[in-house]
Amino acid sequence: MKEIESYKLGKVQVTISETEKENKLLVECFDGEYKSDFTVSKYEYENYRRLMNQRITRAFSGESESD
């Protein structure tokens, strides 16, 4: 899998990579203790990246999604 982008969200390292499925990307998140990964479409990544980053930050901080 080819890495597209890698960046930090606070203490969380986020890596975006291509998958074998067309138009799908793998998002891997690691804060030094916990690791999480999920897939998104290229459209979601390009158009909803800010929302995705907010959800990652909340998930790793322990905040509720309903806030």
C-alpha atoms as a PDB file:
ATOM      1  CA  MET A   1       0.000   0.000   0.000  1.00  0.00           C
ATOM      2  CA  LYS A   2       1.276   3.410  -0.957  1.00  0.00           C
ATOM      3  CA  GLU A   3       1.222   6.084   1.740  1.00  0.00           C
ATOM      4  CA  ILE A   4      -0.589   9.235   0.631  1.00  0.00           C
ATOM      5  CA  GLU A   5      -0.131  11.423   3.694  1.00  0.00           C
ATOM      6  CA  SER A   6       1.016  11.343   7.298  1.00  0.00           C
ATOM      7  CA  TYR A   7       0.368  14.008   9.943  1.00  0.00           C
ATOM      8  CA  LYS A   8      -0.123  14.568  13.686  1.00  0.00           C
ATOM      9  CA  LEU A   9      -3.359  15.532  15.409  1.00  0.00           C
ATOM     10  CA  GLY A  10      -2.086  16.493  18.823  1.00  0.00           C
ATOM     11  CA  LYS A  11      -0.568  13.285  20.180  1.00  0.00           C
ATOM     12  CA  VAL A  12      -2.207  11.090  17.501  1.00  0.00           C
ATOM     13  CA  GLN A  13      -0.181  10.078  14.439  1.00  0.00           C
ATOM     14  CA  VAL A  14      -2.480   9.720  11.397  1.00  0.00           C
ATOM     15  CA  THR A  15      -1.406   7.906   8.233  1.00  0.00           C
ATOM     16  CA  ILE A  16      -3.496   7.794   5.054  1.00  0.00           C
ATOM     17  CA  SER A  17      -2.713   4.979   2.596  1.00  0.00           C
ATOM     18  CA  GLU A  18      -4.181   3.515  -0.570  1.00  0.00           C
ATOM     19  CA  THR A  19      -5.976   0.170  -0.378  1.00  0.00           C
ATOM     20  CA  GLU A  20      -6.448  -2.569  -2.946  1.00  0.00           C
ATOM     21  CA  LYS A  21     -10.022  -1.386  -3.473  1.00  0.00           C
ATOM     22  CA  GLU A  22     -10.458   1.439  -5.944  1.00  0.00           C
ATOM     23  CA  ASN A  23     -11.463   4.777  -4.397  1.00  0.00           C
ATOM     24  CA  LYS A  24     -10.932   3.521  -0.820  1.00  0.00           C
ATOM     25  CA  LEU A  25      -8.289   4.784   1.600  1.00  0.00           C
ATOM     26  CA  LEU A  26      -7.022   3.325   4.872  1.00  0.00           C
ATOM     27  CA  VAL A  27      -6.776   5.717   7.816  1.00  0.00           C
ATOM     28  CA  GLU A  28      -4.473   4.494  10.609  1.00  0.00           C
ATOM     29  CA  CYS A  29      -4.333   6.314  13.946  1.00  0.00           C
ATOM     30  CA  PHE A  30      -1.838   5.682  16.771  1.00  0.00           C
ATOM     31  CA  ASP A  31      -1.272   7.671  19.952  1.00  0.00           C
ATOM     32  CA  GLY A  32       1.611   5.620  21.348  1.00  0.00           C
ATOM     33  CA  GLU A  33      -0.713   3.322  23.271  1.00  0.00           C
ATOM     34  CA  TYR A  34      -3.833   2.651  21.212  1.00  0.00           C
ATOM     35  CA  LYS A  35      -4.112   1.964  17.492  1.00  0.00           C
ATOM     36  CA  SER A  36      -7.203   2.280  15.333  1.00  0.00           C
ATOM     37  CA  ASP A  37      -7.805   1.996  11.612  1.00  0.00           C
ATOM     38  CA  PHE A  38     -10.765   2.411   9.281  1.00  0.00           C
ATOM     39  CA  THR A  39     -11.465   2.950   5.596  1.00  0.00           C
ATOM     40  CA  VAL A  40     -12.964   5.988   3.904  1.00  0.00           C
ATOM     41  CA  SER A  41     -13.754   6.798   0.310  1.00  0.00           C
ATOM     42  CA  LYS A  42     -11.563   9.272  -1.551  1.00  0.00           C
ATOM     43  CA  TYR A  43     -14.589  11.579  -1.682  1.00  0.00           C
ATOM     44  CA  GLU A  44     -15.001  11.491   2.105  1.00  0.00           C
ATOM     45  CA  TYR A  45     -11.285  12.120   2.603  1.00  0.00           C
ATOM     46  CA  GLU A  46     -11.216  15.066   0.198  1.00  0.00           C
ATOM     47  CA  ASN A  47     -14.501  16.684   1.285  1.00  0.00           C
ATOM     48  CA  TYR A  48     -14.972  15.718   4.946  1.00  0.00           C
ATOM     49  CA  ARG A  49     -11.393  15.654   6.203  1.00  0.00           C
ATOM     50  CA  ARG A  50     -12.038  18.263   8.906  1.00  0.00           C
ATOM     51  CA  LEU A  51     -14.942  16.232  10.322  1.00  0.00           C
ATOM     52  CA  MET A  52     -12.865  13.040  10.155  1.00  0.00           C
ATOM     53  CA  ASN A  53     -10.037  14.744  12.081  1.00  0.00           C
ATOM     54  CA  GLN A  54     -12.464  16.036  14.727  1.00  0.00           C
ATOM     55  CA  ARG A  55     -13.818  12.517  15.248  1.00  0.00           C
ATOM     56  CA  ILE A  56     -10.316  11.044  15.505  1.00  0.00           C
ATOM     57  CA  THR A  57      -9.342  13.673  18.085  1.00  0.00           C
ATOM     58  CA  ARG A  58     -12.497  13.016  20.119  1.00  0.00           C
ATOM     59  CA  ALA A  59     -12.097   9.245  19.962  1.00  0.00           C
ATOM     60  CA  PHE A  60      -8.548   9.367  21.284  1.00  0.00           C
ATOM     61  CA  SER A  61      -9.359  11.938  23.972  1.00  0.00           C
ATOM     62  CA  GLY A  62     -12.278   9.864  25.279  1.00  0.00           C
ATOM     63  CA  GLU A  63     -14.909  12.522  24.529  1.00  0.00           C
ATOM     64  CA  SER A  64     -18.419  11.473  23.563  1.00  0.00           C
ATOM     65  CA  GLU A  65     -19.506  11.705  19.906  1.00  0.00           C
ATOM     66  CA  SER A  66     -22.804  13.323  21.003  1.00  0.00           C
ATOM     67  CA  ASP A  67     -21.145  16.553  22.214  1.00  0.00           C
END
